[in-house]
Amino acid sequence: SLRQEGSALNTLRKVDKILNGIRSVALVVLLVSMMGMCAMNVVLRYLIKGVSFLRPFSWVNEMMQVLAIWVVFLAAGLGVRQDAHVSLESLTEKYLPAKASRILRKAAQVIVIAVLVLLIVIGIQQTIKMRTSFLQNLPISNAWFYAAIPVGCAYLLYEYVLILVFGKNPFAPASGLSSRRTPRRSVGNEVAASATPMAADSLRSLKSYFKLSVSNNRKC
């Protein structure tokens, strides 16, 4: 059974590598395209003037909006993979025991997975519904705009299922954000640690001052 589990994990690792590779390449292409179109319109608007046929393209804004939506939804899954999203765990870690905190974390993951499934279903319905609607300045269906929702949520669902099953993403790079995080320290302890030497120096200075004052008074 261990051999079968290892084989299944290797297969899953290969699938994960393909999916993550597609997402990474898509993000690079989308970002480069956005920067290229933005730079092109800036040059045409501000640097090239007086040429009638070299004017900013009206369709650039629409395309950049579509590409930005795709970047947001694809990068959200990448953020989950690298544990880069903000999470508020101070209350659960401070007031709940470790077991209750783990149960609460699992429950939150289940709720997120359920919401993502719902978003995927609604996103697919909206994508199909918008097939006959087109962008204002380009003959491109608005379905491409809405398709970012089910695709991005599917990537998010995949990442959260891995976290729910394995406790964390087993294929995330070891050099990710989570591995570079330093252990949490209490702010109060850090302030106290930094304040202690300062307090000691202040006390020594006061003692020296009082000794000097007393000696001067005696001389007088």
Protein backbone atom coordinates (compact mmCIF):
# COMPACT_ATOMS: atom_id res chain seq x y z
CA SER A 1 0.00 0.00 0.00
CA LEU A 2 2.92 2.33 0.68
CA ARG A 3 4.14 1.73 -2.86
CA GLN A 4 0.69 2.55 -4.24
CA GLU A 5 0.51 5.72 -2.15
CA GLY A 6 3.95 6.75 -3.38
CA SER A 7 2.93 6.10 -6.98
CA ALA A 8 -0.27 8.13 -6.55
CA LEU A 9 1.71 10.97 -4.97
CA ASN A 10 4.20 10.94 -7.85
CA THR A 11 1.34 11.08 -10.35
CA LEU A 12 -0.23 13.95 -8.45
CA ARG A 13 3.13 15.71 -8.38
CA LYS A 14 3.38 15.46 -12.18
CA VAL A 15 -0.15 16.82 -12.59
CA ASP A 16 0.63 19.63 -10.16
CA LYS A 17 3.77 20.51 -12.10
CA ILE A 18 1.79 20.76 -15.34
CA LEU A 19 -1.01 22.85 -13.81
CA ASN A 20 1.38 25.18 -12.02
CA GLY A 21 3.49 25.53 -15.16
CA ILE A 22 0.47 26.52 -17.24
CA ARG A 23 -0.56 29.08 -14.62
CA SER A 24 2.94 30.55 -14.33
CA VAL A 25 3.36 30.88 -18.10
CA ALA A 26 -0.11 32.41 -18.43
CA LEU A 27 0.64 34.98 -15.72
CA VAL A 28 3.92 35.98 -17.38
CA VAL A 29 2.26 36.34 -20.79
CA LEU A 30 -0.64 38.34 -19.35
CA LEU A 31 1.59 40.71 -17.40
CA VAL A 32 3.97 41.26 -20.32
CA SER A 33 0.99 41.91 -22.61
CA MET A 34 -0.50 44.43 -20.17
CA MET A 35 2.79 46.30 -19.81
CA GLY A 36 3.33 46.28 -23.58
CA MET A 37 -0.13 47.66 -24.38
CA CYS A 38 0.11 50.29 -21.65
CA ALA A 39 3.55 51.43 -22.84
CA MET A 40 2.34 51.53 -26.44
CA ASN A 41 -0.60 53.79 -25.61
CA VAL A 42 1.54 56.08 -23.46
CA VAL A 43 4.03 56.51 -26.30
CA LEU A 44 1.24 57.16 -28.83
CA ARG A 45 -0.53 59.62 -26.53
CA TYR A 46 2.36 61.70 -25.17
CA LEU A 47 5.49 61.14 -27.26
CA ILE A 48 4.17 60.92 -30.81
CA LYS A 49 2.04 63.94 -31.66
CA GLY A 50 0.90 65.44 -34.90
CA VAL A 51 0.68 62.12 -36.80
CA SER A 52 -2.97 61.46 -37.63
CA PHE A 53 -2.74 57.69 -38.04
CA LEU A 54 -0.64 57.16 -34.88
CA ARG A 55 -3.14 57.65 -32.09
CA PRO A 56 -3.84 55.72 -28.88
CA PHE A 57 -5.96 52.64 -29.46
CA SER A 58 -9.39 52.76 -27.84
CA TRP A 59 -9.46 49.01 -27.29
CA VAL A 60 -6.38 48.96 -25.02
CA ASN A 61 -8.33 49.90 -21.89
CA GLU A 62 -10.84 47.12 -22.43
CA MET A 63 -8.15 44.53 -23.06
CA MET A 64 -6.19 45.61 -20.01
CA GLN A 65 -9.31 45.21 -17.86
CA VAL A 66 -9.85 41.69 -19.17
CA LEU A 67 -6.21 40.74 -18.67
CA ALA A 68 -6.15 42.29 -15.17
CA ILE A 69 -9.13 40.14 -14.11
CA TRP A 70 -7.32 37.03 -15.34
CA VAL A 71 -4.13 38.02 -13.51
CA VAL A 72 -6.02 38.54 -10.24
CA PHE A 73 -7.83 35.20 -10.33
CA LEU A 74 -4.79 33.19 -11.44
CA ALA A 75 -2.42 34.88 -8.99
CA ALA A 76 -4.84 34.27 -6.10
CA GLY A 77 -4.24 30.53 -6.35
CA LEU A 78 -0.51 31.11 -6.54
CA GLY A 79 -0.74 33.16 -3.35
CA VAL A 80 -2.51 30.29 -1.58
CA ARG A 81 0.15 27.88 -2.80
CA GLN A 82 2.94 30.03 -1.36
CA ASP A 83 0.99 30.93 1.80
CA ALA A 84 1.26 34.60 0.87
CA HIS A 85 -2.26 35.71 1.77
CA VAL A 86 -2.90 37.63 4.97
CA SER A 87 -4.42 35.51 7.74
CA LEU A 88 -5.50 36.64 11.20
CA GLU A 89 -4.52 33.86 13.58
CA SER A 90 -3.61 35.84 16.68
CA LEU A 91 -7.00 35.35 18.37
CA THR A 92 -7.18 31.61 17.75
CA GLU A 93 -3.59 31.05 18.80
CA LYS A 94 -3.97 33.16 21.93
CA TYR A 95 -7.38 32.09 23.24
CA LEU A 96 -7.90 28.58 21.85
CA PRO A 97 -6.00 25.37 22.54
CA ALA A 98 -3.97 23.88 19.70
CA LYS A 99 -6.53 21.14 18.93
CA ALA A 100 -9.46 23.58 18.78
CA SER A 101 -7.41 25.92 16.60
CA ARG A 102 -6.69 23.09 14.14
CA ILE A 103 -10.38 22.13 14.02
CA LEU A 104 -11.37 25.74 13.39
CA ARG A 105 -8.78 26.00 10.62
CA LYS A 106 -10.12 22.84 8.94
CA ALA A 107 -13.69 24.14 9.21
CA ALA A 108 -12.66 27.41 7.58
CA GLN A 109 -11.00 25.48 4.74
CA VAL A 110 -14.17 23.43 4.19
CA ILE A 111 -16.25 26.63 4.04
CA VAL A 112 -13.82 28.17 1.53
CA ILE A 113 -13.99 25.03 -0.63
CA ALA A 114 -17.80 25.10 -0.59
CA VAL A 115 -17.84 28.78 -1.61
CA LEU A 116 -15.34 28.09 -4.41
CA VAL A 117 -17.50 25.27 -5.79
CA LEU A 118 -20.46 27.66 -5.80
CA LEU A 119 -18.40 30.34 -7.56
CA ILE A 120 -17.25 27.84 -10.18
CA VAL A 121 -20.84 26.83 -10.96
CA ILE A 122 -22.04 30.45 -11.13
CA GLY A 123 -18.97 31.44 -13.16
CA ILE A 124 -19.61 28.73 -15.74
CA GLN A 125 -23.25 29.78 -16.03
CA GLN A 126 -22.30 33.42 -16.54
CA THR A 127 -19.62 32.51 -19.07
CA ILE A 128 -22.12 30.55 -21.14
CA LYS A 129 -24.67 33.33 -20.80
CA MET A 130 -22.26 36.01 -22.07
CA ARG A 131 -21.16 34.15 -25.21
CA THR A 132 -23.24 36.38 -27.49
CA SER A 133 -22.12 39.63 -25.81
CA PHE A 134 -19.01 41.38 -27.13
CA LEU A 135 -16.56 44.05 -26.03
CA GLN A 136 -17.35 47.58 -27.13
CA ASN A 137 -14.27 48.14 -29.31
CA LEU A 138 -13.23 44.58 -30.20
CA PRO A 139 -15.05 41.59 -31.70
CA ILE A 140 -14.20 39.50 -28.62
CA SER A 141 -16.88 37.80 -26.59
CA ASN A 142 -17.41 38.88 -22.99
CA ALA A 143 -17.33 35.19 -22.17
CA TRP A 144 -13.53 35.48 -22.06
CA PHE A 145 -13.97 38.13 -19.37
CA TYR A 146 -16.20 35.91 -17.20
CA ALA A 147 -14.21 32.74 -17.86
CA ALA A 148 -11.55 33.99 -15.45
CA ILE A 149 -13.95 33.29 -12.55
CA PRO A 150 -14.37 29.50 -12.97
CA VAL A 151 -10.77 28.98 -14.09
CA GLY A 152 -9.26 30.99 -11.24
CA CYS A 153 -11.62 29.47 -8.66
CA ALA A 154 -10.78 25.99 -9.96
CA TYR A 155 -7.10 26.65 -9.26
CA LEU A 156 -8.01 27.97 -5.81
CA LEU A 157 -10.15 24.89 -5.17
CA TYR A 158 -7.27 22.62 -6.14
CA GLU A 159 -4.88 24.40 -3.77
CA TYR A 160 -7.30 24.34 -0.84
CA VAL A 161 -8.11 20.66 -1.33
CA LEU A 162 -4.39 19.87 -1.15
CA ILE A 163 -4.10 21.93 2.04
CA LEU A 164 -7.17 20.23 3.55
CA VAL A 165 -5.90 16.73 2.78
CA PHE A 166 -2.19 17.13 3.52
CA GLY A 167 -2.26 19.98 6.05
CA LYS A 168 -0.25 22.11 3.60
CA ASN A 169 0.59 22.05 -0.07
CA PRO A 170 3.11 19.18 -0.40
CA PHE A 171 4.37 20.50 -3.74
CA ALA A 172 4.96 24.12 -2.73
CA PRO A 173 8.63 25.15 -3.03
CA ALA A 174 10.61 24.94 0.18
CA SER A 175 12.00 28.41 -0.49
CA GLY A 176 8.52 29.96 -0.46
CA LEU A 177 7.31 32.70 1.78
CA SER A 178 6.19 30.33 4.51
CA SER A 179 9.67 28.83 4.95
CA ARG A 180 11.29 32.27 5.21
CA ARG A 181 8.99 33.43 7.96
CA THR A 182 10.65 33.90 11.29
CA PRO A 183 9.00 32.47 14.37
CA ARG A 184 6.37 34.71 15.87
CA ARG A 185 7.44 36.69 18.89
CA SER A 186 5.26 38.63 21.24
CA VAL A 187 5.38 42.38 20.66
CA GLY A 188 5.41 42.93 24.39
CA ASN A 189 8.42 40.65 24.80
CA GLU A 190 10.29 42.42 22.00
CA VAL A 191 9.58 45.83 23.53
CA ALA A 192 10.61 44.60 26.96
CA ALA A 193 13.78 43.05 25.59
CA SER A 194 14.75 46.26 23.83
CA ALA A 195 13.73 48.45 26.76
CA THR A 196 15.65 46.54 29.44
CA PRO A 197 19.16 47.68 28.38
CA MET A 198 17.88 51.24 27.96
CA ALA A 199 16.38 51.19 31.46
CA ALA A 200 19.61 49.85 32.92
CA ASP A 201 21.63 52.58 31.19
CA SER A 202 19.21 55.22 32.46
CA LEU A 203 19.49 53.93 36.03
CA ARG A 204 23.28 53.97 35.85
CA SER A 205 23.22 57.53 34.51
CA LEU A 206 20.89 58.63 37.31
CA LYS A 207 23.10 57.01 39.96
CA SER A 208 26.15 58.74 38.53
CA TYR A 209 24.30 62.06 38.48
CA PHE A 210 23.14 61.72 42.08
CA LYS A 211 26.61 60.68 43.27
CA LEU A 212 28.11 63.70 41.51
CA SER A 213 25.46 66.01 43.01
CA VAL A 214 26.04 64.66 46.52
CA SER A 215 29.81 65.04 46.22
CA ASN A 216 29.42 68.61 44.95
CA ASN A 217 27.07 69.48 47.86
CA ARG A 218 29.55 68.11 50.36
CA LYS A 219 32.33 70.16 48.83
CA CYS A 220 30.21 73.24 49.08
